[in-house]
Amino acid sequence: MIGTRAPGSRDSQGFSLVEVIIAMGVLASVLISVASMFILGGRQVKAGKTTTEAVALCNDIMESFAKQSFTALYTNMGAASTDSTKTAASNVVTSPLAPWQTQITQKLANGVATATVTAIGPGAPTFGSAVGIQLTVTLNWNELARPESITISTIRF
């Protein structure tokens, strides 16, 4: 007989409900994975931008200190020639880093810069007897509820 089907044969066209539900589940899981990658990528881009801004600020602070003479480098930080180390923070009003705090706050969440000068030389050097000074600038801030920091250091002779 032409045009007749045997009972129970699967010669129909289309998908069953179970196949459609399984396909929708697979599609949904793939789309969720792709969407989460976009979110993670966006976070990484923001973190990279913030880190770049922090490095630029750190370099700017370092360059402002590099313009100073050997003696002015430690005296402007408030150190005496008998001291061997001195640290200043940008969130202290009398600090030489205080002018940078507004820019740091604008670009970095809870950002604070610290600069440390350390006398280098034989024995137990003080700034008066030092042959060199190590200058270290550190920026600390919070990024996505995690503490982050950048440190740049140089030695002046």
Foldseek 3Di string as FASTA:
>chain_A
DPPDDDPPDPPDDDDDPVVVVVVVVVVVVVVVVVVVVVVVVVLVVLVVVLVVLQVVLQVVVVVVLVPDDLVCSVVLQVDDQQAFKGKFKCVDCSGPNVVCVVVQVVRAAVKMKMKMKGADDPDRGGSNRGPKIKIKMKMWGARPNHIDMDIDIDMGD
